[in-house]
Amino acid sequence: MLSKLPKILHLIVDRPMISYSLENLRNAGIKNIVPVLGYKRNYVIKQLSEYVNYAIQPKQLGTANALLNAFPKIPTDTKIHA
């Protein structure tokens, strides 16, 4: 995208791209949303910190590693649907 702004913060109809995903998840009844932030996370934290409980992935080592970083933020009584 050739931008200094993280992809998920680019505006679509005056809202950050990620806001649409968060809204859809909430509308689907998902209460505990834990985005995993890595690249340029400080920009994203400024936008999201009041809306979600986020996890930090210090080094981008793939999806499994992102999930490992999110686990401490997910309550142990959370039901997982496959």
PDB file of N, CA and C in Angstrom:
ATOM      1  N   MET A   1       0.824  -1.193   0.000  1.00  0.00           N
ATOM      2  CA  MET A   1       0.000   0.000   0.000  1.00  0.00           C
ATOM      3  C   MET A   1       0.867   1.255   0.000  1.00  0.00           C
ATOM      4  N   LEU A   2       2.146   1.059   0.162  1.00  0.00           N
ATOM      5  CA  LEU A   2       3.090   2.180   0.143  1.00  0.00           C
ATOM      6  C   LEU A   2       2.660   3.298   1.088  1.00  0.00           C
ATOM      7  N   SER A   3       2.403   2.933   2.331  1.00  0.00           N
ATOM      8  CA  SER A   3       1.935   3.889   3.323  1.00  0.00           C
ATOM      9  C   SER A   3       2.636   3.627   4.644  1.00  0.00           C
ATOM     10  N   LYS A   4       2.824   4.690   5.411  1.00  0.00           N
ATOM     11  CA  LYS A   4       3.388   4.535   6.751  1.00  0.00           C
ATOM     12  C   LYS A   4       2.320   4.072   7.732  1.00  0.00           C
ATOM     13  N   LEU A   5       1.072   4.185   7.346  1.00  0.00           N
ATOM     14  CA  LEU A   5      -0.043   3.796   8.191  1.00  0.00           C
ATOM     15  C   LEU A   5      -0.294   2.295   8.057  1.00  0.00           C
ATOM     16  N   PRO A   6      -0.503   1.583   9.174  1.00  0.00           N
ATOM     17  CA  PRO A   6      -0.829   0.162   9.073  1.00  0.00           C
ATOM     18  C   PRO A   6      -2.075  -0.044   8.212  1.00  0.00           C
ATOM     19  N   LYS A   7      -2.078  -1.110   7.457  1.00  0.00           N
ATOM     20  CA  LYS A   7      -3.153  -1.408   6.514  1.00  0.00           C
ATOM     21  C   LYS A   7      -4.538  -1.338   7.159  1.00  0.00           C
ATOM     22  N   ILE A   8      -4.680  -1.892   8.352  1.00  0.00           N
ATOM     23  CA  ILE A   8      -5.996  -1.957   8.986  1.00  0.00           C
ATOM     24  C   ILE A   8      -6.517  -0.604   9.444  1.00  0.00           C
ATOM     25  N   LEU A   9      -5.672   0.431   9.412  1.00  0.00           N
ATOM     26  CA  LEU A   9      -6.116   1.761   9.816  1.00  0.00           C
ATOM     27  C   LEU A   9      -6.473   2.665   8.641  1.00  0.00           C
ATOM     28  N   HIS A  10      -6.293   2.165   7.433  1.00  0.00           N
ATOM     29  CA  HIS A  10      -6.703   2.969   6.279  1.00  0.00           C
ATOM     30  C   HIS A  10      -8.208   3.148   6.322  1.00  0.00           C
ATOM     31  N   LEU A  11      -8.663   4.315   5.940  1.00  0.00           N
ATOM     32  CA  LEU A  11     -10.079   4.650   6.037  1.00  0.00           C
ATOM     33  C   LEU A  11     -10.881   4.120   4.856  1.00  0.00           C
ATOM     34  N   ILE A  12     -12.042   3.590   5.192  1.00  0.00           N
ATOM     35  CA  ILE A  12     -13.048   3.211   4.208  1.00  0.00           C
ATOM     36  C   ILE A  12     -14.326   3.917   4.664  1.00  0.00           C
ATOM     37  N   VAL A  13     -14.819   4.799   3.868  1.00  0.00           N
ATOM     38  CA  VAL A  13     -15.989   5.606   4.210  1.00  0.00           C
ATOM     39  C   VAL A  13     -15.814   6.214   5.617  1.00  0.00           C
ATOM     40  N   ASP A  14     -14.701   6.895   5.802  1.00  0.00           N
ATOM     41  CA  ASP A  14     -14.397   7.653   7.024  1.00  0.00           C
ATOM     42  C   ASP A  14     -14.223   6.822   8.292  1.00  0.00           C
ATOM     43  N   ARG A  15     -14.015   5.508   8.159  1.00  0.00           N
ATOM     44  CA  ARG A  15     -13.757   4.652   9.314  1.00  0.00           C
ATOM     45  C   ARG A  15     -12.556   3.766   9.034  1.00  0.00           C
ATOM     46  N   PRO A  16     -11.745   3.483  10.074  1.00  0.00           N
ATOM     47  CA  PRO A  16     -10.633   2.559   9.865  1.00  0.00           C
ATOM     48  C   PRO A  16     -11.152   1.192   9.414  1.00  0.00           C
ATOM     49  N   MET A  17     -10.426   0.570   8.514  1.00  0.00           N
ATOM     50  CA  MET A  17     -10.818  -0.711   7.943  1.00  0.00           C
ATOM     51  C   MET A  17     -11.164  -1.740   9.030  1.00  0.00           C
ATOM     52  N   ILE A  18     -10.378  -1.781  10.083  1.00  0.00           N
ATOM     53  CA  ILE A  18     -10.602  -2.786  11.131  1.00  0.00           C
ATOM     54  C   ILE A  18     -11.915  -2.570  11.874  1.00  0.00           C
ATOM     55  N   SER A  19     -12.423  -1.359  11.882  1.00  0.00           N
ATOM     56  CA  SER A  19     -13.659  -1.094  12.621  1.00  0.00           C
ATOM     57  C   SER A  19     -14.830  -1.901  12.057  1.00  0.00           C
ATOM     58  N   TYR A  20     -14.816  -2.171  10.759  1.00  0.00           N
ATOM     59  CA  TYR A  20     -15.882  -2.965  10.148  1.00  0.00           C
ATOM     60  C   TYR A  20     -15.827  -4.419  10.643  1.00  0.00           C
ATOM     61  N   SER A  21     -14.623  -4.965  10.734  1.00  0.00           N
ATOM     62  CA  SER A  21     -14.475  -6.335  11.244  1.00  0.00           C
ATOM     63  C   SER A  21     -14.902  -6.418  12.701  1.00  0.00           C
ATOM     64  N   LEU A  22     -14.479  -5.451  13.504  1.00  0.00           N
ATOM     65  CA  LEU A  22     -14.856  -5.453  14.920  1.00  0.00           C
ATOM     66  C   LEU A  22     -16.368  -5.332  15.077  1.00  0.00           C
ATOM     67  N   GLU A  23     -16.978  -4.486  14.284  1.00  0.00           N
ATOM     68  CA  GLU A  23     -18.433  -4.325  14.338  1.00  0.00           C
ATOM     69  C   GLU A  23     -19.143  -5.627  13.959  1.00  0.00           C
ATOM     70  N   ASN A  24     -18.671  -6.292  12.920  1.00  0.00           N
ATOM     71  CA  ASN A  24     -19.284  -7.552  12.495  1.00  0.00           C
ATOM     72  C   ASN A  24     -19.132  -8.638  13.551  1.00  0.00           C
ATOM     73  N   LEU A  25     -17.980  -8.694  14.196  1.00  0.00           N
ATOM     74  CA  LEU A  25     -17.778  -9.676  15.257  1.00  0.00           C
ATOM     75  C   LEU A  25     -18.724  -9.419  16.424  1.00  0.00           C
ATOM     76  N   ARG A  26     -18.864  -8.155  16.804  1.00  0.00           N
ATOM     77  CA  ARG A  26     -19.791  -7.819  17.894  1.00  0.00           C
ATOM     78  C   ARG A  26     -21.229  -8.147  17.509  1.00  0.00           C
ATOM     79  N   ASN A  27     -21.602  -7.830  16.274  1.00  0.00           N
ATOM     80  CA  ASN A  27     -22.956  -8.133  15.806  1.00  0.00           C
ATOM     81  C   ASN A  27     -23.224  -9.632  15.767  1.00  0.00           C
ATOM     82  N   ALA A  28     -22.178 -10.430  15.640  1.00  0.00           N
ATOM     83  CA  ALA A  28     -22.305 -11.887  15.639  1.00  0.00           C
ATOM     84  C   ALA A  28     -22.356 -12.444  17.063  1.00  0.00           C
ATOM     85  N   GLY A  29     -22.273 -11.561  18.046  1.00  0.00           N
ATOM     86  CA  GLY A  29     -22.381 -11.992  19.435  1.00  0.00           C
ATOM     87  C   GLY A  29     -21.058 -12.298  20.109  1.00  0.00           C
ATOM     88  N   ILE A  30     -19.971 -12.005  19.452  1.00  0.00           N
ATOM     89  CA  ILE A  30     -18.657 -12.267  20.051  1.00  0.00           C
ATOM     90  C   ILE A  30     -18.320 -11.097  20.976  1.00  0.00           C
ATOM     91  N   LYS A  31     -18.078 -11.428  22.234  1.00  0.00           N
ATOM     92  CA  LYS A  31     -17.862 -10.389  23.233  1.00  0.00           C
ATOM     93  C   LYS A  31     -16.389 -10.119  23.522  1.00  0.00           C
ATOM     94  N   ASN A  32     -15.592 -11.170  23.556  1.00  0.00           N
ATOM     95  CA  ASN A  32     -14.186 -11.005  23.906  1.00  0.00           C
ATOM     96  C   ASN A  32     -13.334 -11.064  22.631  1.00  0.00           C
ATOM     97  N   ILE A  33     -13.108  -9.912  22.041  1.00  0.00           N
ATOM     98  CA  ILE A  33     -12.332  -9.813  20.805  1.00  0.00           C
ATOM     99  C   ILE A  33     -10.910  -9.419  21.191  1.00  0.00           C
ATOM    100  N   VAL A  34      -9.938 -10.227  20.766  1.00  0.00           N
ATOM    101  CA  VAL A  34      -8.540  -9.968  21.123  1.00  0.00           C
ATOM    102  C   VAL A  34      -7.681  -9.891  19.849  1.00  0.00           C
ATOM    103  N   PRO A  35      -7.626  -8.717  19.226  1.00  0.00           N
ATOM    104  CA  PRO A  35      -6.732  -8.599  18.073  1.00  0.00           C
ATOM    105  C   PRO A  35      -5.279  -8.714  18.535  1.00  0.00           C
ATOM    106  N   VAL A  36      -4.464  -9.332  17.733  1.00  0.00           N
ATOM    107  CA  VAL A  36      -3.037  -9.458  18.041  1.00  0.00           C
ATOM    108  C   VAL A  36      -2.305  -8.418  17.205  1.00  0.00           C
ATOM    109  N   LEU A  37      -1.592  -7.549  17.892  1.00  0.00           N
ATOM    110  CA  LEU A  37      -0.931  -6.430  17.228  1.00  0.00           C
ATOM    111  C   LEU A  37       0.572  -6.646  17.166  1.00  0.00           C
ATOM    112  N   GLY A  38       1.133  -6.324  16.033  1.00  0.00           N
ATOM    113  CA  GLY A  38       2.578  -6.457  15.858  1.00  0.00           C
ATOM    114  C   GLY A  38       3.127  -5.229  15.172  1.00  0.00           C
ATOM    115  N   TYR A  39       3.153  -5.267  13.868  1.00  0.00           N
ATOM    116  CA  TYR A  39       3.733  -4.207  13.048  1.00  0.00           C
ATOM    117  C   TYR A  39       3.058  -2.857  13.316  1.00  0.00           C
ATOM    118  N   LYS A  40       3.864  -1.870  13.655  1.00  0.00           N
ATOM    119  CA  LYS A  40       3.398  -0.504  13.933  1.00  0.00           C
ATOM    120  C   LYS A  40       2.228  -0.493  14.917  1.00  0.00           C
ATOM    121  N   ARG A  41       2.326  -1.327  15.924  1.00  0.00           N
ATOM    122  CA  ARG A  41       1.233  -1.493  16.875  1.00  0.00           C
ATOM    123  C   ARG A  41       0.855  -0.218  17.619  1.00  0.00           C
ATOM    124  N   ASN A  42       1.792   0.712  17.803  1.00  0.00           N
ATOM    125  CA  ASN A  42       1.460   1.940  18.534  1.00  0.00           C
ATOM    126  C   ASN A  42       0.379   2.747  17.830  1.00  0.00           C
ATOM    127  N   TYR A  43       0.392   2.761  16.506  1.00  0.00           N
ATOM    128  CA  TYR A  43      -0.655   3.446  15.750  1.00  0.00           C
ATOM    129  C   TYR A  43      -2.005   2.764  15.998  1.00  0.00           C
ATOM    130  N   VAL A  44      -1.992   1.444  15.979  1.00  0.00           N
ATOM    131  CA  VAL A  44      -3.229   0.683  16.117  1.00  0.00           C
ATOM    132  C   VAL A  44      -3.761   0.801  17.542  1.00  0.00           C
ATOM    133  N   ILE A  45      -2.890   0.748  18.525  1.00  0.00           N
ATOM    134  CA  ILE A  45      -3.306   0.857  19.928  1.00  0.00           C
ATOM    135  C   ILE A  45      -4.051   2.162  20.164  1.00  0.00           C
ATOM    136  N   LYS A  46      -3.574   3.244  19.571  1.00  0.00           N
ATOM    137  CA  LYS A  46      -4.253   4.536  19.731  1.00  0.00           C
ATOM    138  C   LYS A  46      -5.694   4.474  19.235  1.00  0.00           C
ATOM    139  N   GLN A  47      -5.947   3.691  18.206  1.00  0.00           N
ATOM    140  CA  GLN A  47      -7.292   3.573  17.634  1.00  0.00           C
ATOM    141  C   GLN A  47      -8.164   2.565  18.375  1.00  0.00           C
ATOM    142  N   LEU A  48      -7.564   1.502  18.894  1.00  0.00           N
ATOM    143  CA  LEU A  48      -8.347   0.379  19.409  1.00  0.00           C
ATOM    144  C   LEU A  48      -8.428   0.258  20.913  1.00  0.00           C
ATOM    145  N   SER A  49      -7.506   0.837  21.641  1.00  0.00           N
ATOM    146  CA  SER A  49      -7.348   0.512  23.052  1.00  0.00           C
ATOM    147  C   SER A  49      -8.611   0.709  23.880  1.00  0.00           C
ATOM    148  N   GLU A  50      -9.468   1.627  23.513  1.00  0.00           N
ATOM    149  CA  GLU A  50     -10.683   1.814  24.308  1.00  0.00           C
ATOM    150  C   GLU A  50     -11.796   0.853  23.908  1.00  0.00           C
ATOM    151  N   TYR A  51     -11.628   0.143  22.798  1.00  0.00           N
ATOM    152  CA  TYR A  51     -12.687  -0.720  22.284  1.00  0.00           C
ATOM    153  C   TYR A  51     -12.454  -2.215  22.513  1.00  0.00           C
ATOM    154  N   VAL A  52     -11.195  -2.630  22.566  1.00  0.00           N
ATOM    155  CA  VAL A  52     -10.905  -4.060  22.665  1.00  0.00           C
ATOM    156  C   VAL A  52      -9.728  -4.311  23.598  1.00  0.00           C
ATOM    157  N   ASN A  53      -9.650  -5.544  24.043  1.00  0.00           N
ATOM    158  CA  ASN A  53      -8.529  -6.025  24.831  1.00  0.00           C
ATOM    159  C   ASN A  53      -7.560  -6.662  23.835  1.00  0.00           C
ATOM    160  N   TYR A  54      -6.464  -6.023  23.547  1.00  0.00           N
ATOM    161  CA  TYR A  54      -5.551  -6.500  22.508  1.00  0.00           C
ATOM    162  C   TYR A  54      -4.359  -7.227  23.111  1.00  0.00           C
ATOM    163  N   ALA A  55      -3.705  -8.029  22.298  1.00  0.00           N
ATOM    164  CA  ALA A  55      -2.478  -8.734  22.675  1.00  0.00           C
ATOM    165  C   ALA A  55      -1.351  -8.223  21.788  1.00  0.00           C
ATOM    166  N   ILE A  56      -0.146  -8.287  22.293  1.00  0.00           N
ATOM    167  CA  ILE A  56       1.028  -7.834  21.550  1.00  0.00           C
ATOM    168  C   ILE A  56       1.831  -9.039  21.082  1.00  0.00           C
ATOM    169  N   GLN A  57       2.223  -9.014  19.835  1.00  0.00           N
ATOM    170  CA  GLN A  57       3.135 -10.013  19.272  1.00  0.00           C
ATOM    171  C   GLN A  57       4.444  -9.268  19.000  1.00  0.00           C
ATOM    172  N   PRO A  58       5.428  -9.375  19.916  1.00  0.00           N
ATOM    173  CA  PRO A  58       6.667  -8.603  19.778  1.00  0.00           C
ATOM    174  C   PRO A  58       7.406  -8.856  18.463  1.00  0.00           C
ATOM    175  N   LYS A  59       7.436 -10.113  18.027  1.00  0.00           N
ATOM    176  CA  LYS A  59       8.063 -10.456  16.748  1.00  0.00           C
ATOM    177  C   LYS A  59       7.037 -11.188  15.904  1.00  0.00           C
ATOM    178  N   GLN A  60       6.928 -10.811  14.654  1.00  0.00           N
ATOM    179  CA  GLN A  60       5.957 -11.446  13.776  1.00  0.00           C
ATOM    180  C   GLN A  60       6.515 -12.798  13.318  1.00  0.00           C
ATOM    181  N   LEU A  61       6.068 -13.858  14.016  1.00  0.00           N
ATOM    182  CA  LEU A  61       6.566 -15.208  13.764  1.00  0.00           C
ATOM    183  C   LEU A  61       5.467 -16.140  13.268  1.00  0.00           C
ATOM    184  N   GLY A  62       4.408 -15.579  12.708  1.00  0.00           N
ATOM    185  CA  GLY A  62       3.357 -16.399  12.130  1.00  0.00           C
ATOM    186  C   GLY A  62       2.093 -16.448  12.965  1.00  0.00           C
ATOM    187  N   THR A  63       1.086 -17.091  12.393  1.00  0.00           N
ATOM    188  CA  THR A  63      -0.236 -17.144  12.993  1.00  0.00           C
ATOM    189  C   THR A  63      -0.253 -17.915  14.313  1.00  0.00           C
ATOM    190  N   ALA A  64       0.431 -19.052  14.369  1.00  0.00           N
ATOM    191  CA  ALA A  64       0.454 -19.842  15.606  1.00  0.00           C
ATOM    192  C   ALA A  64       1.083 -19.040  16.744  1.00  0.00           C
ATOM    193  N   ASN A  65       2.130 -18.301  16.449  1.00  0.00           N
ATOM    194  CA  ASN A  65       2.769 -17.475  17.461  1.00  0.00           C
ATOM    195  C   ASN A  65       1.839 -16.340  17.896  1.00  0.00           C
ATOM    196  N   ALA A  66       1.092 -15.786  16.957  1.00  0.00           N
ATOM    197  CA  ALA A  66       0.127 -14.740  17.304  1.00  0.00           C
ATOM    198  C   ALA A  66      -0.909 -15.291  18.281  1.00  0.00           C
ATOM    199  N   LEU A  67      -1.393 -16.486  18.015  1.00  0.00           N
ATOM    200  CA  LEU A  67      -2.363 -17.119  18.904  1.00  0.00           C
ATOM    201  C   LEU A  67      -1.769 -17.361  20.292  1.00  0.00           C
ATOM    202  N   LEU A  68      -0.531 -17.801  20.358  1.00  0.00           N
ATOM    203  CA  LEU A  68       0.144 -17.992  21.651  1.00  0.00           C
ATOM    204  C   LEU A  68       0.198 -16.689  22.444  1.00  0.00           C
ATOM    205  N   ASN A  69       0.404 -15.577  21.755  1.00  0.00           N
ATOM    206  CA  ASN A  69       0.452 -14.277  22.424  1.00  0.00           C
ATOM    207  C   ASN A  69      -0.927 -13.825  22.883  1.00  0.00           C
ATOM    208  N   ALA A  70      -1.970 -14.310  22.234  1.00  0.00           N
ATOM    209  CA  ALA A  70      -3.335 -13.924  22.600  1.00  0.00           C
ATOM    210  C   ALA A  70      -3.883 -14.736  23.769  1.00  0.00           C
ATOM    211  N   PHE A  71      -3.426 -15.971  23.938  1.00  0.00           N
ATOM    212  CA  PHE A  71      -3.973 -16.859  24.972  1.00  0.00           C
ATOM    213  C   PHE A  71      -4.076 -16.217  26.359  1.00  0.00           C
ATOM    214  N   PRO A  72      -3.063 -15.492  26.843  1.00  0.00           N
ATOM    215  CA  PRO A  72      -3.187 -14.909  28.185  1.00  0.00           C
ATOM    216  C   PRO A  72      -4.336 -13.902  28.312  1.00  0.00           C
ATOM    217  N   LYS A  73      -4.827 -13.375  27.215  1.00  0.00           N
ATOM    218  CA  LYS A  73      -5.909 -12.388  27.245  1.00  0.00           C
ATOM    219  C   LYS A  73      -7.293 -13.015  27.102  1.00  0.00           C
ATOM    220  N   ILE A  74      -7.329 -14.315  26.843  1.00  0.00           N
ATOM    221  CA  ILE A  74      -8.599 -15.007  26.622  1.00  0.00           C
ATOM    222  C   ILE A  74      -8.998 -15.718  27.920  1.00  0.00           C
ATOM    223  N   PRO A  75     -10.181 -15.397  28.450  1.00  0.00           N
ATOM    224  CA  PRO A  75     -10.618 -16.040  29.704  1.00  0.00           C
ATOM    225  C   PRO A  75     -10.664 -17.565  29.543  1.00  0.00           C
ATOM    226  N   THR A  76     -10.326 -18.281  30.591  1.00  0.00           N
ATOM    227  CA  THR A  76     -10.264 -19.744  30.531  1.00  0.00           C
ATOM    228  C   THR A  76     -11.621 -20.390  30.316  1.00  0.00           C
ATOM    229  N   ASP A  77     -12.706 -19.661  30.622  1.00  0.00           N
ATOM    230  CA  ASP A  77     -14.039 -20.238  30.430  1.00  0.00           C
ATOM    231  C   ASP A  77     -14.630 -19.921  29.060  1.00  0.00           C
ATOM    232  N   THR A  78     -13.827 -19.410  28.141  1.00  0.00           N
ATOM    233  CA  THR A  78     -14.287 -19.081  26.799  1.00  0.00           C
ATOM    234  C   THR A  78     -14.609 -20.343  26.029  1.00  0.00           C
ATOM    235  N   LYS A  79     -15.772 -20.368  25.398  1.00  0.00           N
ATOM    236  CA  LYS A  79     -16.157 -21.516  24.572  1.00  0.00           C
ATOM    237  C   LYS A  79     -15.618 -21.317  23.176  1.00  0.00           C
ATOM    238  N   ILE A  80     -14.964 -22.330  22.657  1.00  0.00           N
ATOM    239  CA  ILE A  80     -14.376 -22.261  21.325  1.00  0.00           C
ATOM    240  C   ILE A  80     -15.202 -23.137  20.403  1.00  0.00           C
ATOM    241  N   HIS A  81     -15.624 -22.562  19.292  1.00  0.00           N
ATOM    242  CA  HIS A  81     -16.429 -23.286  18.294  1.00  0.00           C
ATOM    243  C   HIS A  81     -15.578 -23.519  17.066  1.00  0.00           C
ATOM    244  N   ALA A  82     -15.557 -24.739  16.603  1.00  0.00           N
ATOM    245  CA  ALA A  82     -14.788 -25.056  15.395  1.00  0.00           C
ATOM    246  C   ALA A  82     -15.706 -25.205  14.216  1.00  0.00           C
TER     247      ALA A  82
END
